[in-house]
N, C-alpha and C. Protein backbone atom coordinates (compact mmCIF):
# COMPACT_ATOMS: atom_id res chain seq x y z
N MET A 1 181.09 7.44 223.80
CA MET A 1 180.34 8.28 224.45
C MET A 1 179.16 8.28 223.71
N ILE A 2 179.13 8.86 222.39
CA ILE A 2 177.98 9.05 221.61
C ILE A 2 177.12 7.68 221.13
N HIS A 3 177.97 6.52 221.05
CA HIS A 3 177.41 5.44 220.64
C HIS A 3 176.54 4.80 221.83
N HIS A 4 177.20 5.03 223.37
CA HIS A 4 176.58 4.52 224.20
C HIS A 4 175.13 5.20 224.21
N ARG A 5 174.90 6.48 224.29
CA ARG A 5 173.79 7.22 224.22
C ARG A 5 172.69 6.69 223.21
N ARG A 6 173.41 6.39 221.99
CA ARG A 6 172.58 6.21 220.80
C ARG A 6 171.96 4.65 221.04
N ARG A 7 172.91 3.83 221.63
CA ARG A 7 172.27 2.42 221.97
C ARG A 7 171.19 2.41 223.08
N VAL A 8 171.39 3.35 224.19
CA VAL A 8 170.26 3.56 225.08
C VAL A 8 169.15 4.01 224.54
N LEU A 9 168.96 4.90 223.49
CA LEU A 9 168.01 5.62 223.13
C LEU A 9 167.34 4.69 221.93
N LEU A 10 168.09 3.91 221.32
CA LEU A 10 167.35 2.80 220.41
C LEU A 10 166.64 1.98 221.30
N ILE A 11 167.21 1.31 222.31
CA ILE A 11 166.35 0.57 223.17
C ILE A 11 165.20 0.95 223.52
N GLN A 12 165.27 2.37 224.12
CA GLN A 12 164.22 2.91 224.76
C GLN A 12 163.25 3.27 223.51
N VAL A 13 163.48 3.53 222.25
CA VAL A 13 162.64 3.49 221.25
C VAL A 13 161.91 2.66 220.82
N TRP A 14 162.62 1.20 220.82
CA TRP A 14 161.73 0.15 220.58
C TRP A 14 160.98 -0.37 221.78
N ILE A 15 161.30 -0.19 223.10
CA ILE A 15 160.48 -0.26 223.75
C ILE A 15 158.98 0.68 223.92
N GLY A 16 159.33 1.57 223.24
CA GLY A 16 158.24 2.90 223.23
C GLY A 16 157.19 2.38 221.98
N TYR A 17 157.89 1.75 220.98
CA TYR A 17 157.35 1.16 219.70
C TYR A 17 156.46 0.13 219.98
N LEU A 18 157.09 -1.01 220.65
CA LEU A 18 156.16 -2.02 221.03
C LEU A 18 155.18 -1.85 222.03
N CYS A 19 155.52 -0.75 222.99
CA CYS A 19 154.36 -0.35 223.82
C CYS A 19 153.13 0.25 223.05
N PHE A 20 153.43 1.06 221.96
CA PHE A 20 152.51 1.70 221.12
C PHE A 20 151.86 0.97 220.28
N LEU A 21 152.44 -0.35 219.87
CA LEU A 21 151.61 -1.52 219.18
C LEU A 21 150.75 -1.95 219.86
N ALA A 22 151.29 -2.40 221.37
CA ALA A 22 150.63 -3.32 222.16
C ALA A 22 149.30 -2.46 222.50
N ALA A 23 149.31 -1.27 222.72
CA ALA A 23 147.86 -0.52 222.86
C ALA A 23 146.89 -0.31 221.94
N SER A 24 147.56 -0.15 220.66
CA SER A 24 146.82 0.23 219.36
C SER A 24 146.07 -1.12 219.05
N SER A 25 146.97 -2.35 219.31
CA SER A 25 146.22 -3.38 218.65
C SER A 25 145.18 -4.00 219.81
N PHE A 26 145.38 -3.70 221.19
CA PHE A 26 144.44 -3.89 222.02
C PHE A 26 143.05 -3.19 222.05
N ILE A 27 143.30 -1.94 221.45
CA ILE A 27 142.20 -0.92 221.37
C ILE A 27 141.39 -1.54 220.04
N GLY A 28 142.01 -1.84 219.30
CA GLY A 28 141.66 -2.42 217.95
C GLY A 28 140.64 -3.43 218.29
N PHE A 29 141.50 -4.41 219.12
CA PHE A 29 140.74 -5.65 219.34
C PHE A 29 139.28 -5.29 220.27
N LEU A 30 139.48 -4.35 221.16
CA LEU A 30 138.32 -4.07 222.04
C LEU A 30 137.15 -3.64 220.99
N TYR A 31 137.47 -2.67 220.37
CA TYR A 31 136.52 -2.20 219.10
C TYR A 31 135.82 -3.20 218.43
N PHE A 32 136.60 -4.22 217.85
CA PHE A 32 136.25 -5.13 216.94
C PHE A 32 135.39 -6.30 217.74
N PHE A 33 135.65 -6.43 218.75
CA PHE A 33 135.03 -7.54 219.61
C PHE A 33 133.85 -6.87 220.09
N LEU A 34 133.61 -5.98 220.44
CA LEU A 34 132.42 -5.11 220.76
C LEU A 34 131.50 -4.98 219.67
N LYS A 35 132.08 -4.57 218.61
CA LYS A 35 131.35 -4.43 217.29
C LYS A 35 130.64 -5.88 216.81
N ASP A 36 131.71 -6.85 216.98
CA ASP A 36 131.13 -8.28 216.42
C ASP A 36 129.98 -8.55 217.45
N SER A 37 130.26 -8.52 218.75
CA SER A 37 129.50 -9.01 219.83
C SER A 37 127.87 -8.32 219.62
N ARG A 38 128.02 -7.10 219.29
CA ARG A 38 126.81 -6.54 218.93
C ARG A 38 126.00 -6.91 217.76
N LEU A 39 126.78 -7.20 216.49
CA LEU A 39 126.14 -7.71 215.50
C LEU A 39 125.62 -9.17 215.75
N ARG A 40 126.26 -9.85 216.45
CA ARG A 40 125.84 -11.16 216.81
C ARG A 40 124.41 -11.19 217.53
N VAL A 41 124.43 -10.00 218.71
CA VAL A 41 123.35 -9.94 219.28
C VAL A 41 121.87 -9.53 218.55
N ASP A 42 122.26 -8.52 217.58
CA ASP A 42 121.38 -8.03 216.69
C ASP A 42 120.80 -8.78 215.53
N ASN A 43 121.60 -9.43 215.00
CA ASN A 43 121.33 -10.25 213.71
C ASN A 43 121.09 -11.72 213.81
N GLY A 44 121.70 -11.94 215.01
CA GLY A 44 121.74 -13.54 215.27
C GLY A 44 122.62 -14.14 214.58
N LYS A 45 123.66 -13.62 213.96
CA LYS A 45 124.51 -14.31 213.15
C LYS A 45 125.90 -14.56 213.70
N LYS A 46 126.59 -15.53 213.09
CA LYS A 46 127.73 -15.83 213.72
C LYS A 46 128.94 -15.22 212.85
N SER A 47 129.77 -14.41 213.72
CA SER A 47 130.63 -13.61 213.22
C SER A 47 131.87 -14.37 212.46
N THR A 48 132.33 -14.07 211.46
CA THR A 48 133.41 -14.64 210.61
C THR A 48 134.57 -13.79 211.00
N GLU A 49 134.39 -12.62 211.62
CA GLU A 49 135.60 -11.67 211.92
C GLU A 49 136.37 -12.00 213.20
N LEU A 50 136.11 -13.08 213.69
CA LEU A 50 136.69 -13.54 214.82
C LEU A 50 138.15 -13.83 214.84
N LEU A 51 138.58 -14.06 213.70
CA LEU A 51 139.97 -14.23 213.37
C LEU A 51 140.58 -12.86 213.44
N VAL A 52 140.17 -11.77 212.97
CA VAL A 52 140.68 -10.52 213.21
C VAL A 52 140.94 -10.39 214.69
N ASP A 53 139.78 -10.38 215.28
CA ASP A 53 139.94 -10.35 216.73
C ASP A 53 140.89 -10.88 217.61
N CYS A 54 141.07 -12.45 217.06
CA CYS A 54 142.15 -13.18 217.77
C CYS A 54 143.67 -12.62 217.37
N GLY A 55 143.62 -12.36 216.10
CA GLY A 55 144.69 -11.80 215.61
C GLY A 55 145.29 -10.54 216.31
N LEU A 56 144.64 -9.37 216.52
CA LEU A 56 145.03 -8.32 217.01
C LEU A 56 145.06 -8.68 218.73
N MET A 57 144.51 -9.34 219.32
CA MET A 57 144.73 -9.69 220.78
C MET A 57 146.11 -10.38 220.78
N PHE A 58 146.31 -11.39 219.78
CA PHE A 58 147.77 -12.04 219.76
C PHE A 58 149.19 -10.94 219.39
N ILE A 59 148.72 -10.03 218.61
CA ILE A 59 149.65 -9.11 218.41
C ILE A 59 149.91 -8.10 219.56
N SER A 60 148.82 -7.95 220.28
CA SER A 60 148.83 -7.17 221.53
C SER A 60 149.68 -7.99 222.61
N LEU A 61 149.40 -8.93 222.75
CA LEU A 61 150.06 -9.92 223.93
C LEU A 61 151.39 -10.09 223.42
N LEU A 62 151.70 -10.18 222.25
CA LEU A 62 153.24 -10.49 221.75
C LEU A 62 154.08 -9.32 222.01
N SER A 63 153.36 -8.00 221.65
CA SER A 63 154.06 -7.06 221.88
C SER A 63 154.40 -6.66 223.46
N ILE A 64 153.25 -6.86 224.16
CA ILE A 64 153.67 -6.62 225.58
C ILE A 64 154.70 -7.38 226.05
N VAL A 65 154.77 -8.79 225.73
CA VAL A 65 155.72 -9.65 226.02
C VAL A 65 157.09 -9.23 225.65
N ALA A 66 157.31 -8.92 224.44
CA ALA A 66 158.60 -8.38 223.82
C ALA A 66 159.06 -7.30 224.63
N SER A 67 158.00 -6.17 224.70
CA SER A 67 158.46 -4.99 225.53
C SER A 67 158.93 -5.30 226.65
N VAL A 68 158.17 -6.08 227.55
CA VAL A 68 158.85 -6.54 228.78
C VAL A 68 159.99 -7.24 228.93
N LEU A 69 160.05 -8.25 228.09
CA LEU A 69 161.34 -8.77 227.78
C LEU A 69 162.80 -7.68 227.50
N LEU A 70 162.37 -7.04 226.51
CA LEU A 70 163.41 -6.06 226.07
C LEU A 70 163.73 -5.02 227.49
N TYR A 71 162.70 -4.71 228.01
CA TYR A 71 163.00 -3.83 229.27
C TYR A 71 163.84 -4.41 230.27
N LEU A 72 163.61 -5.59 230.54
CA LEU A 72 164.12 -6.55 231.96
C LEU A 72 165.52 -6.76 231.31
N ASN A 73 165.83 -6.83 229.99
CA ASN A 73 167.04 -7.29 229.61
C ASN A 73 167.76 -6.27 228.87
N TRP A 74 167.53 -4.70 229.05
CA TRP A 74 168.19 -3.78 228.17
C TRP A 74 169.65 -3.46 228.94
N GLN A 75 169.64 -3.67 230.32
CA GLN A 75 171.31 -3.29 230.72
C GLN A 75 172.17 -4.43 230.12
N GLU A 76 171.73 -5.83 230.14
CA GLU A 76 172.67 -6.68 229.48
C GLU A 76 172.76 -6.49 228.08
N GLN A 77 171.56 -6.22 227.26
CA GLN A 77 172.04 -5.71 225.86
C GLN A 77 173.16 -4.36 225.69
N LEU A 78 172.77 -3.56 226.64
CA LEU A 78 173.60 -2.48 226.77
C LEU A 78 175.22 -2.47 226.87
N GLN A 79 175.52 -3.82 227.73
CA GLN A 79 176.77 -4.26 227.95
C GLN A 79 177.34 -5.11 226.84
N TYR A 80 176.52 -5.52 225.98
CA TYR A 80 176.88 -6.31 224.81
C TYR A 80 177.37 -5.30 223.80
N PHE A 81 176.60 -4.07 223.73
CA PHE A 81 176.93 -3.35 222.67
C PHE A 81 178.07 -2.44 222.92
N LEU A 82 178.49 -2.23 224.16
CA LEU A 82 179.56 -1.48 224.81
C LEU A 82 180.78 -2.42 224.58
N ASN A 83 180.80 -3.72 224.66
CA ASN A 83 181.83 -4.30 224.40
C ASN A 83 182.19 -4.90 223.03
């Protein structure tokens, strides 16, 4: 019974961690994107930090997808751990 609760808690912790990672990387993406957009408008330069923006957005989307898949599949994983 203790292992059952521990497995459920572990899955919930991973879901929470992935959601936190998604939210923080999305906020970072928005911050850098707005900052870079303002720099382009003010200075007329092309931003080389677009890779950072795309990387943060990719991490955000990947974390969201992973947390949703983990949430949808957590009951099956729980049965796997119990057997």
